[in-house]
PDB file of N, CA and C in Angstrom:
ATOM      1  N   MET A   1       9.689   9.737  72.737  1.00  0.00           N
ATOM      2  CA  MET A   1       8.807  10.100  71.681  1.00  0.00           C
ATOM      3  C   MET A   1       9.276  10.657  69.910  1.00  0.00           C
ATOM      4  N   GLU A   2       8.456   9.785  69.435  1.00  0.00           N
ATOM      5  CA  GLU A   2       8.816   9.402  68.219  1.00  0.00           C
ATOM      6  C   GLU A   2       8.993  11.384  67.551  1.00  0.00           C
ATOM      7  N   ASN A   3       9.611  10.578  66.569  1.00  0.00           N
ATOM      8  CA  ASN A   3       9.625  11.849  65.712  1.00  0.00           C
ATOM      9  C   ASN A   3       9.135  11.901  64.394  1.00  0.00           C
ATOM     10  N   LYS A   4       8.016  12.404  64.490  1.00  0.00           N
ATOM     11  CA  LYS A   4       7.047  13.003  63.322  1.00  0.00           C
ATOM     12  C   LYS A   4       7.279  13.576  62.630  1.00  0.00           C
ATOM     13  N   ILE A   5       6.827  13.397  61.022  1.00  0.00           N
ATOM     14  CA  ILE A   5       6.740  14.313  59.959  1.00  0.00           C
ATOM     15  C   ILE A   5       6.030  14.993  60.153  1.00  0.00           C
ATOM     16  N   PRO A   6       6.094  16.470  60.156  1.00  0.00           N
ATOM     17  CA  PRO A   6       4.254  16.961  59.595  1.00  0.00           C
ATOM     18  C   PRO A   6       3.578  16.578  58.178  1.00  0.00           C
ATOM     19  N   MET A   7       2.379  17.273  58.645  1.00  0.00           N
ATOM     20  CA  MET A   7       1.859  16.791  57.558  1.00  0.00           C
ATOM     21  C   MET A   7       2.023  17.660  56.178  1.00  0.00           C
ATOM     22  N   ASN A   8       2.571  18.500  55.858  1.00  0.00           N
ATOM     23  CA  ASN A   8       2.927  19.754  55.140  1.00  0.00           C
ATOM     24  C   ASN A   8       4.056  18.791  54.808  1.00  0.00           C
ATOM     25  N   ASP A   9       4.836  18.547  54.933  1.00  0.00           N
ATOM     26  CA  ASP A   9       6.146  18.364  54.663  1.00  0.00           C
ATOM     27  C   ASP A   9       5.646  16.926  53.861  1.00  0.00           C
ATOM     28  N   ILE A  10       4.882  16.298  54.437  1.00  0.00           N
ATOM     29  CA  ILE A  10       4.481  14.638  52.802  1.00  0.00           C
ATOM     30  C   ILE A  10       3.637  15.127  52.432  1.00  0.00           C
ATOM     31  N   ILE A  11       2.528  16.365  52.034  1.00  0.00           N
ATOM     32  CA  ILE A  11       1.834  16.900  51.103  1.00  0.00           C
ATOM     33  C   ILE A  11       2.890  17.474  49.905  1.00  0.00           C
ATOM     34  N   ASP A  12       3.376  18.003  50.630  1.00  0.00           N
ATOM     35  CA  ASP A  12       5.031  18.916  49.342  1.00  0.00           C
ATOM     36  C   ASP A  12       5.505  17.716  48.860  1.00  0.00           C
ATOM     37  N   GLU A  13       6.028  16.959  49.552  1.00  0.00           N
ATOM     38  CA  GLU A  13       6.887  16.003  48.481  1.00  0.00           C
ATOM     39  C   GLU A  13       5.894  15.046  48.525  1.00  0.00           C
ATOM     40  N   GLN A  14       4.709  14.626  47.982  1.00  0.00           N
ATOM     41  CA  GLN A  14       4.045  13.910  47.171  1.00  0.00           C
ATOM     42  C   GLN A  14       3.651  14.986  45.928  1.00  0.00           C
ATOM     43  N   ILE A  15       3.378  15.527  46.097  1.00  0.00           N
ATOM     44  CA  ILE A  15       3.240  17.370  45.008  1.00  0.00           C
ATOM     45  C   ILE A  15       4.327  17.394  44.208  1.00  0.00           C
ATOM     46  N   ALA A  16       5.932  17.540  44.380  1.00  0.00           N
ATOM     47  CA  ALA A  16       6.881  17.038  44.059  1.00  0.00           C
ATOM     48  C   ALA A  16       7.507  16.067  43.119  1.00  0.00           C
ATOM     49  N   ALA A  17       6.416  14.672  44.059  1.00  0.00           N
ATOM     50  CA  ALA A  17       7.032  13.729  42.680  1.00  0.00           C
ATOM     51  C   ALA A  17       5.554  13.593  42.224  1.00  0.00           C
ATOM     52  N   GLU A  18       4.803  13.754  41.737  1.00  0.00           N
ATOM     53  CA  GLU A  18       3.528  14.050  41.239  1.00  0.00           C
ATOM     54  C   GLU A  18       4.160  15.122  39.746  1.00  0.00           C
ATOM     55  N   LYS A  19       4.717  15.993  39.924  1.00  0.00           N
ATOM     56  CA  LYS A  19       5.183  17.076  39.419  1.00  0.00           C
ATOM     57  C   LYS A  19       6.328  16.616  38.663  1.00  0.00           C
ATOM     58  N   LYS A  20       7.183  15.773  39.210  1.00  0.00           N
ATOM     59  CA  LYS A  20       8.484  15.254  39.143  1.00  0.00           C
ATOM     60  C   LYS A  20       7.994  14.357  37.742  1.00  0.00           C
ATOM     61  N   ALA A  21       7.099  13.886  38.033  1.00  0.00           N
ATOM     62  CA  ALA A  21       5.981  12.243  37.292  1.00  0.00           C
ATOM     63  C   ALA A  21       5.948  12.263  35.767  1.00  0.00           C
ATOM     64  N   LYS A  22       5.086  13.799  35.739  1.00  0.00           N
ATOM     65  CA  LYS A  22       4.374  14.760  34.825  1.00  0.00           C
ATOM     66  C   LYS A  22       5.369  15.687  33.599  1.00  0.00           C
ATOM     67  N   GLN A  23       6.971  15.524  33.921  1.00  0.00           N
ATOM     68  CA  GLN A  23       7.952  16.228  33.442  1.00  0.00           C
ATOM     69  C   GLN A  23       8.303  14.605  32.846  1.00  0.00           C
ATOM     70  N   LEU A  24       8.051  13.781  33.682  1.00  0.00           N
ATOM     71  CA  LEU A  24       9.043  12.927  32.858  1.00  0.00           C
ATOM     72  C   LEU A  24       7.896  12.326  32.031  1.00  0.00           C
ATOM     73  N   GLU A  25       7.150  12.319  31.852  1.00  0.00           N
ATOM     74  CA  GLU A  25       5.963  11.687  30.683  1.00  0.00           C
ATOM     75  C   GLU A  25       6.233  12.800  30.070  1.00  0.00           C
ATOM     76  N   ARG A  26       6.272  14.198  30.153  1.00  0.00           N
ATOM     77  CA  ARG A  26       6.345  15.101  28.777  1.00  0.00           C
ATOM     78  C   ARG A  26       7.932  14.477  28.119  1.00  0.00           C
ATOM     79  N   ARG A  27       9.094  14.112  28.653  1.00  0.00           N
ATOM     80  CA  ARG A  27       9.923  14.428  28.309  1.00  0.00           C
ATOM     81  C   ARG A  27       9.591  12.790  27.511  1.00  0.00           C
ATOM     82  N   LYS A  28       9.247  11.824  27.671  1.00  0.00           N
ATOM     83  CA  LYS A  28       8.890  10.978  27.413  1.00  0.00           C
ATOM     84  C   LYS A  28       8.541  10.533  25.814  1.00  0.00           C
ATOM     85  N   GLU A  29       7.067  11.512  26.197  1.00  0.00           N
ATOM     86  CA  GLU A  29       6.357  12.284  24.883  1.00  0.00           C
ATOM     87  C   GLU A  29       7.081  13.072  23.742  1.00  0.00           C
ATOM     88  N   LYS A  30       8.127  13.584  23.869  1.00  0.00           N
ATOM     89  CA  LYS A  30       8.260  14.483  23.269  1.00  0.00           C
ATOM     90  C   LYS A  30       9.759  13.573  22.876  1.00  0.00           C
ATOM     91  N   ILE A  31      10.274  13.086  23.088  1.00  0.00           N
ATOM     92  CA  ILE A  31      11.219  11.325  22.511  1.00  0.00           C
ATOM     93  C   ILE A  31      10.806  10.944  21.851  1.00  0.00           C
ATOM     94  N   LYS A  32       9.443  10.415  22.127  1.00  0.00           N
ATOM     95  CA  LYS A  32       8.637   9.588  21.107  1.00  0.00           C
ATOM     96  C   LYS A  32       8.650  10.235  19.606  1.00  0.00           C
ATOM     97  N   SER A  33       7.757  11.655  20.198  1.00  0.00           N
ATOM     98  CA  SER A  33       7.374  12.369  18.763  1.00  0.00           C
ATOM     99  C   SER A  33       8.655  12.484  18.087  1.00  0.00           C
ATOM    100  N   GLN A  34      10.171  12.904  18.256  1.00  0.00           N
ATOM    101  CA  GLN A  34      11.626  13.165  18.023  1.00  0.00           C
ATOM    102  C   GLN A  34      11.195  12.070  17.128  1.00  0.00           C
ATOM    103  N   ASN A  35      11.606  10.756  17.489  1.00  0.00           N
ATOM    104  CA  ASN A  35      12.077   9.765  17.032  1.00  0.00           C
ATOM    105  C   ASN A  35      11.502   9.482  15.907  1.00  0.00           C
ATOM    106  N   SER A  36       9.751   9.425  15.910  1.00  0.00           N
ATOM    107  CA  SER A  36       8.889   9.481  14.683  1.00  0.00           C
ATOM    108  C   SER A  36       8.700  10.493  14.084  1.00  0.00           C
ATOM    109  N   LYS A  37       9.677  11.474  14.193  1.00  0.00           N
ATOM    110  CA  LYS A  37       9.698  12.204  13.242  1.00  0.00           C
ATOM    111  C   LYS A  37      11.194  12.482  11.749  1.00  0.00           C
ATOM    112  N   ARG A  38      12.022  11.216  13.167  1.00  0.00           N
ATOM    113  CA  ARG A  38      13.055  11.181  12.350  1.00  0.00           C
ATOM    114  C   ARG A  38      13.100  10.381  11.683  1.00  0.00           C
ATOM    115  N   GLU A  39      11.774   9.484  11.812  1.00  0.00           N
ATOM    116  CA  GLU A  39      11.846   8.395  10.810  1.00  0.00           C
ATOM    117  C   GLU A  39      11.055   8.448  10.038  1.00  0.00           C
ATOM    118  N   ARG A  40       9.787   8.648  10.041  1.00  0.00           N
ATOM    119  CA  ARG A  40       9.215   9.990   8.574  1.00  0.00           C
ATOM    120  C   ARG A  40      10.112  10.433   7.543  1.00  0.00           C
ATOM    121  N   SER A  41      11.396  11.176   8.199  1.00  0.00           N
ATOM    122  CA  SER A  41      12.214  11.713   7.538  1.00  0.00           C
ATOM    123  C   SER A  41      13.367  10.727   6.721  1.00  0.00           C
ATOM    124  N   LYS A  42      13.572   9.773   7.049  1.00  0.00           N
ATOM    125  CA  LYS A  42      13.991   8.793   6.475  1.00  0.00           C
ATOM    126  C   LYS A  42      13.257   8.315   5.332  1.00  0.00           C
ATOM    127  N   ARG A  43      12.031   7.902   6.032  1.00  0.00           N
ATOM    128  CA  ARG A  43      11.013   6.952   5.233  1.00  0.00           C
ATOM    129  C   ARG A  43      11.050   7.643   3.875  1.00  0.00           C
ATOM    130  N   THR A  44      10.542   9.534   4.093  1.00  0.00           N
ATOM    131  CA  THR A  44      10.417  10.418   3.000  1.00  0.00           C
ATOM    132  C   THR A  44      11.735  10.752   2.229  1.00  0.00           C
ATOM    133  N   HIS A  45      13.145  10.674   2.902  1.00  0.00           N
ATOM    134  CA  HIS A  45      14.220  10.733   1.783  1.00  0.00           C
ATOM    135  C   HIS A  45      14.346   9.339   0.350  1.00  0.00           C
ATOM    136  N   ILE A  46      13.999   7.910   1.862  1.00  0.00           N
ATOM    137  CA  ILE A  46      13.738   6.719   0.581  1.00  0.00           C
ATOM    138  C   ILE A  46      13.266   6.614  -0.368  1.00  0.00           C
ATOM    139  N   LEU A  47      11.805   6.865  -0.279  1.00  0.00           N
ATOM    140  CA  LEU A  47      10.802   7.826  -1.349  1.00  0.00           C
ATOM    141  C   LEU A  47      10.839   8.289  -1.934  1.00  0.00           C
ATOM    142  N   ILE A  48      11.754   9.882  -1.874  1.00  0.00           N
ATOM    143  CA  ILE A  48      12.407  10.866  -2.871  1.00  0.00           C
ATOM    144  C   ILE A  48      13.587  10.012  -3.923  1.00  0.00           C
ATOM    145  N   VAL A  49      14.558   9.217  -2.777  1.00  0.00           N
ATOM    146  CA  VAL A  49      16.021   8.420  -4.000  1.00  0.00           C
ATOM    147  C   VAL A  49      15.806   8.331  -4.915  1.00  0.00           C
ATOM    148  N   ARG A  50      14.327   6.844  -4.571  1.00  0.00           N
ATOM    149  CA  ARG A  50      14.149   5.594  -5.238  1.00  0.00           C
ATOM    150  C   ARG A  50      12.967   6.391  -6.399  1.00  0.00           C
ATOM    151  N   GLY A  51      12.555   7.065  -6.319  1.00  0.00           N
ATOM    152  CA  GLY A  51      11.026   7.815  -7.450  1.00  0.00           C
ATOM    153  C   GLY A  51      11.747   8.057  -7.841  1.00  0.00           C
ATOM    154  N   SER A  52      12.627   9.053  -7.687  1.00  0.00           N
ATOM    155  CA  SER A  52      14.093  10.283  -8.865  1.00  0.00           C
ATOM    156  C   SER A  52      14.429   9.307  -9.618  1.00  0.00           C
ATOM    157  N   PHE A  53      14.839   7.673  -9.739  1.00  0.00           N
ATOM    158  CA  PHE A  53      15.850   6.514 -10.069  1.00  0.00           C
ATOM    159  C   PHE A  53      14.941   6.425 -10.962  1.00  0.00           C
ATOM    160  N   ILE A  54      13.601   5.820 -10.052  1.00  0.00           N
ATOM    161  CA  ILE A  54      12.512   5.528 -11.562  1.00  0.00           C
ATOM    162  C   ILE A  54      12.605   6.404 -12.651  1.00  0.00           C
ATOM    163  N   GLU A  55      12.754   7.924 -12.332  1.00  0.00           N
ATOM    164  CA  GLU A  55      12.171   8.454 -13.168  1.00  0.00           C
ATOM    165  C   GLU A  55      13.080   8.637 -13.957  1.00  0.00           C
ATOM    166  N   SER A  56      14.738   8.369 -14.075  1.00  0.00           N
ATOM    167  CA  SER A  56      15.763   8.318 -14.416  1.00  0.00           C
ATOM    168  C   SER A  56      15.426   7.549 -15.848  1.00  0.00           C
ATOM    169  N   LEU A  57      15.210   6.510 -15.524  1.00  0.00           N
ATOM    170  CA  LEU A  57      14.867   5.445 -16.003  1.00  0.00           C
ATOM    171  C   LEU A  57      14.063   4.726 -17.307  1.00  0.00           C
ATOM    172  N   ILE A  58      12.959   5.575 -17.053  1.00  0.00           N
ATOM    173  CA  ILE A  58      11.708   5.398 -17.398  1.00  0.00           C
ATOM    174  C   ILE A  58      11.902   7.261 -18.692  1.00  0.00           C
ATOM    175  N   GLU A  59      12.323   7.218 -19.349  1.00  0.00           N
ATOM    176  CA  GLU A  59      11.782   8.920 -20.600  1.00  0.00           C
ATOM    177  C   GLU A  59      10.605   8.532 -20.506  1.00  0.00           C
ATOM    178  N   GLY A  60      10.348  10.468 -20.021  1.00  0.00           N
ATOM    179  CA  GLY A  60       8.570  10.172 -20.186  1.00  0.00           C
ATOM    180  C   GLY A  60       8.288  10.119 -18.663  1.00  0.00           C
ATOM    181  N   SER A  61       8.633   9.489 -18.203  1.00  0.00           N
ATOM    182  CA  SER A  61       7.455   9.286 -16.678  1.00  0.00           C
ATOM    183  C   SER A  61       7.022  10.283 -15.685  1.00  0.00           C
ATOM    184  N   THR A  62       7.766  11.299 -16.388  1.00  0.00           N
ATOM    185  CA  THR A  62       7.562  12.386 -15.092  1.00  0.00           C
ATOM    186  C   THR A  62       6.365  12.936 -15.803  1.00  0.00           C
ATOM    187  N   ASP A  63       5.969  13.257 -16.945  1.00  0.00           N
ATOM    188  CA  ASP A  63       4.347  13.094 -17.811  1.00  0.00           C
ATOM    189  C   ASP A  63       3.547  12.610 -17.058  1.00  0.00           C
ATOM    190  N   TRP A  64       3.636  11.134 -16.570  1.00  0.00           N
ATOM    191  CA  TRP A  64       2.356  10.554 -16.866  1.00  0.00           C
ATOM    192  C   TRP A  64       1.254  10.825 -15.828  1.00  0.00           C
ATOM    193  N   SER A  65       0.355  10.626 -15.495  1.00  0.00           N
ATOM    194  CA  SER A  65      -0.551  10.743 -14.096  1.00  0.00           C
ATOM    195  C   SER A  65      -0.106   9.492 -13.214  1.00  0.00           C
ATOM    196  N   ASP A  66      -0.319   9.751 -11.878  1.00  0.00           N
ATOM    197  CA  ASP A  66       0.119   9.075 -11.060  1.00  0.00           C
ATOM    198  C   ASP A  66      -0.668   7.496 -11.260  1.00  0.00           C
ATOM    199  N   GLU A  67      -2.130   7.412 -11.843  1.00  0.00           N
ATOM    200  CA  GLU A  67      -2.556   5.941 -12.113  1.00  0.00           C
ATOM    201  C   GLU A  67      -1.769   5.752 -13.582  1.00  0.00           C
ATOM    202  N   ASP A  68      -1.118   6.518 -14.532  1.00  0.00           N
ATOM    203  CA  ASP A  68      -0.749   5.527 -15.088  1.00  0.00           C
ATOM    204  C   ASP A  68       0.972   5.028 -14.784  1.00  0.00           C
ATOM    205  N   PHE A  69       1.006   6.085 -13.786  1.00  0.00           N
ATOM    206  CA  PHE A  69       2.224   5.586 -13.154  1.00  0.00           C
ATOM    207  C   PHE A  69       2.324   4.046 -12.447  1.00  0.00           C
ATOM    208  N   LYS A  70       0.713   3.882 -11.351  1.00  0.00           N
ATOM    209  CA  LYS A  70       0.641   2.519 -10.458  1.00  0.00           C
ATOM    210  C   LYS A  70       0.262   1.424 -11.681  1.00  0.00           C
ATOM    211  N   THR A  71      -0.033   1.886 -12.808  1.00  0.00           N
ATOM    212  CA  THR A  71      -0.491   0.775 -13.772  1.00  0.00           C
ATOM    213  C   THR A  71       0.634  -0.433 -14.837  1.00  0.00           C
ATOM    214  N   ARG A  72       1.825   1.424 -14.685  1.00  0.00           N
ATOM    215  CA  ARG A  72       3.137   0.355 -15.832  1.00  0.00           C
ATOM    216  C   ARG A  72       4.160  -0.343 -14.499  1.00  0.00           C
ATOM    217  N   MET A  73       3.817   0.009 -13.020  1.00  0.00           N
ATOM    218  CA  MET A  73       4.493  -0.393 -11.927  1.00  0.00           C
ATOM    219  C   MET A  73       4.410  -2.163 -12.272  1.00  0.00           C
ATOM    220  N   ARG A  74       2.603  -2.088 -11.818  1.00  0.00           N
ATOM    221  CA  ARG A  74       2.286  -2.864 -11.631  1.00  0.00           C
ATOM    222  C   ARG A  74       3.246  -4.405 -12.900  1.00  0.00           C
ATOM    223  N   ARG A  75       2.401  -3.639 -14.417  1.00  0.00           N
ATOM    224  CA  ARG A  75       3.194  -4.322 -15.393  1.00  0.00           C
ATOM    225  C   ARG A  75       4.108  -4.778 -15.073  1.00  0.00           C
ATOM    226  N   ILE A  76       5.000  -3.813 -14.842  1.00  0.00           N
ATOM    227  CA  ILE A  76       6.707  -4.396 -14.825  1.00  0.00           C
ATOM    228  C   ILE A  76       6.790  -5.244 -13.715  1.00  0.00           C
ATOM    229  N   THR A  77       6.206  -5.136 -12.369  1.00  0.00           N
ATOM    230  CA  THR A  77       6.763  -5.800 -11.333  1.00  0.00           C
ATOM    231  C   THR A  77       5.867  -7.128 -11.887  1.00  0.00           C
ATOM    232  N   ASN A  78       4.711  -7.535 -12.777  1.00  0.00           N
ATOM    233  CA  ASN A  78       3.974  -8.603 -12.644  1.00  0.00           C
ATOM    234  C   ASN A  78       4.671  -9.910 -14.002  1.00  0.00           C
ATOM    235  N   THR A  79       5.934  -9.646 -13.558  1.00  0.00           N
ATOM    236  CA  THR A  79       6.640 -10.597 -15.290  1.00  0.00           C
ATOM    237  C   THR A  79       7.413 -11.827 -13.996  1.00  0.00           C
ATOM    238  N   ASN A  80       8.010 -12.513 -14.830  1.00  0.00           N
ATOM    239  CA  ASN A  80       8.309 -13.478 -14.270  1.00  0.00           C
ATOM    240  C   ASN A  80       9.904 -13.397 -13.943  1.00  0.00           C
ATOM    241  N   ALA A  81      10.299 -12.246 -14.731  1.00  0.00           N
ATOM    242  CA  ALA A  81      11.690 -11.992 -14.542  1.00  0.00           C
ATOM    243  C   ALA A  81      11.821 -10.787 -13.213  1.00  0.00           C
ATOM    244  N   PHE A  82      11.228 -10.323 -12.653  1.00  0.00           N
ATOM    245  CA  PHE A  82      10.442  -9.833 -11.466  1.00  0.00           C
ATOM    246  C   PHE A  82      10.967 -10.634  -9.755  1.00  0.00           C
ATOM    247  N   TYR A  83       9.769 -11.676 -10.591  1.00  0.00           N
ATOM    248  CA  TYR A  83       9.607 -12.882  -9.317  1.00  0.00           C
ATOM    249  C   TYR A  83      11.125 -13.477  -9.209  1.00  0.00           C
ATOM    250  N   GLU A  84      11.320 -13.693 -10.191  1.00  0.00           N
ATOM    251  CA  GLU A  84      13.089 -14.557 -10.151  1.00  0.00           C
ATOM    252  C   GLU A  84      13.839 -13.958  -9.388  1.00  0.00           C
ATOM    253  N   PHE A  85      13.915 -12.386  -9.803  1.00  0.00           N
ATOM    254  CA  PHE A  85      14.851 -11.763  -9.441  1.00  0.00           C
ATOM    255  C   PHE A  85      14.514 -11.482  -7.712  1.00  0.00           C
ATOM    256  N   LEU A  86      13.047 -11.726  -7.411  1.00  0.00           N
ATOM    257  CA  LEU A  86      13.160 -11.406  -5.753  1.00  0.00           C
ATOM    258  C   LEU A  86      13.258 -13.002  -4.699  1.00  0.00           C
ATOM    259  N   ASN A  87      12.848 -13.630  -5.458  1.00  0.00           N
ATOM    260  CA  ASN A  87      13.552 -15.394  -5.173  1.00  0.00           C
ATOM    261  C   ASN A  87      14.572 -15.626  -4.675  1.00  0.00           C
ATOM    262  N   GLU A  88      15.045 -15.209  -6.184  1.00  0.00           N
ATOM    263  CA  GLU A  88      17.262 -15.227  -5.399  1.00  0.00           C
ATOM    264  C   GLU A  88      17.413 -14.224  -5.196  1.00  0.00           C
ATOM    265  N   ARG A  89      17.149 -13.191  -4.586  1.00  0.00           N
ATOM    266  CA  ARG A  89      17.169 -11.289  -3.342  1.00  0.00           C
ATOM    267  C   ARG A  89      17.221 -12.532  -2.340  1.00  0.00           C
ATOM    268  N   ASN A  90      16.082 -13.533  -1.952  1.00  0.00           N
ATOM    269  CA  ASN A  90      15.451 -13.144  -0.730  1.00  0.00           C
ATOM    270  C   ASN A  90      16.267 -14.958  -0.008  1.00  0.00           C
ATOM    271  N   LYS A  91      16.493 -15.383  -1.267  1.00  0.00           N
ATOM    272  CA  LYS A  91      17.175 -16.591  -0.573  1.00  0.00           C
ATOM    273  C   LYS A  91      18.423 -16.216  -0.309  1.00  0.00           C
ATOM    274  N   ARG A  92      19.180 -15.038  -0.961  1.00  0.00           N
ATOM    275  CA  ARG A  92      20.305 -14.672  -0.576  1.00  0.00           C
ATOM    276  C   ARG A  92      20.971 -14.441   0.813  1.00  0.00           C
ATOM    277  N   ILE A  93      19.446 -13.524   0.766  1.00  0.00           N
ATOM    278  CA  ILE A  93      19.320 -12.521   2.207  1.00  0.00           C
ATOM    279  C   ILE A  93      19.081 -13.622   3.856  1.00  0.00           C
ATOM    280  N   SER A  94      18.504 -14.358   3.171  1.00  0.00           N
ATOM    281  CA  SER A  94      18.128 -15.837   4.068  1.00  0.00           C
ATOM    282  C   SER A  94      19.467 -16.179   4.115  1.00  0.00           C
ATOM    283  N   LEU A  95      20.292 -16.627   3.251  1.00  0.00           N
ATOM    284  CA  LEU A  95      21.813 -17.094   3.595  1.00  0.00           C
ATOM    285  C   LEU A  95      22.803 -16.568   4.706  1.00  0.00           C
ATOM    286  N   GLU A  96      22.193 -15.573   4.328  1.00  0.00           N
ATOM    287  CA  GLU A  96      23.149 -14.049   4.883  1.00  0.00           C
ATOM    288  C   GLU A  96      22.597 -14.145   6.371  1.00  0.00           C
ATOM    289  N   ASN A  97      21.644 -13.794   6.315  1.00  0.00           N
ATOM    290  CA  ASN A  97      21.256 -14.360   7.749  1.00  0.00           C
ATOM    291  C   ASN A  97      21.439 -15.849   8.378  1.00  0.00           C
ATOM    292  N   GLU A  98      21.127 -16.687   8.421  1.00  0.00           N
ATOM    293  CA  GLU A  98      22.475 -17.819   8.303  1.00  0.00           C
ATOM    294  C   GLU A  98      23.569 -18.067   8.950  1.00  0.00           C
ATOM    295  N   GLU A  99      24.022 -17.433   8.136  1.00  0.00           N
ATOM    296  CA  GLU A  99      25.712 -17.743   8.405  1.00  0.00           C
ATOM    297  C   GLU A  99      25.773 -16.179   9.501  1.00  0.00           C
ATOM    298  N   GLU A 100      25.278 -14.886   9.448  1.00  0.00           N
ATOM    299  CA  GLU A 100      25.287 -13.919  11.183  1.00  0.00           C
ATOM    300  C   GLU A 100      24.723 -14.916  11.496  1.00  0.00           C
ATOM    301  N   ASN A 101      23.491 -15.002  12.145  1.00  0.00           N
ATOM    302  CA  ASN A 101      23.574 -16.607  13.170  1.00  0.00           C
ATOM    303  C   ASN A 101      24.134 -17.346  13.698  1.00  0.00           C
ATOM    304  N   ARG A 102      24.802 -18.552  12.669  1.00  0.00           N
ATOM    305  CA  ARG A 102      26.105 -19.265  12.895  1.00  0.00           C
ATOM    306  C   ARG A 102      26.955 -18.572  13.898  1.00  0.00           C
ATOM    307  N   GLU A 103      27.402 -17.521  13.450  1.00  0.00           N
ATOM    308  CA  GLU A 103      28.107 -16.653  13.700  1.00  0.00           C
ATOM    309  C   GLU A 103      28.828 -15.689  15.035  1.00  0.00           C
ATOM    310  N   GLU A 104      27.182 -15.632  15.601  1.00  0.00           N
ATOM    311  CA  GLU A 104      26.918 -15.296  16.681  1.00  0.00           C
ATOM    312  C   GLU A 104      26.795 -16.108  18.432  1.00  0.00           C
ATOM    313  N   SER A 105      26.471 -17.158  17.557  1.00  0.00           N
ATOM    314  CA  SER A 105      26.678 -18.972  18.269  1.00  0.00           C
ATOM    315  C   SER A 105      27.623 -19.295  18.604  1.00  0.00           C
TER     316      SER A 105
END
């Protein structure tokens, strides 16, 4: 005669497995939320540090409205010198990446 598993045991195992799956899903969401919060905190820190640096370079900029600040930053970044700086920076980064890729190969 076969050993049969009682139906109640099977149902209990299924309920336990579903409960465990829900716990794992909640844990996954919690970790995702924590990572998002950590990334937002990093981004906020970067913005504060960079913003305060810009304010330290430009006397009186703390008194500007947001719109004045945007307008002046657009003027500063819309110059040939700024575009040359960006092009040089991008070339340097590209060369560094190429060197890293060669070293990894």
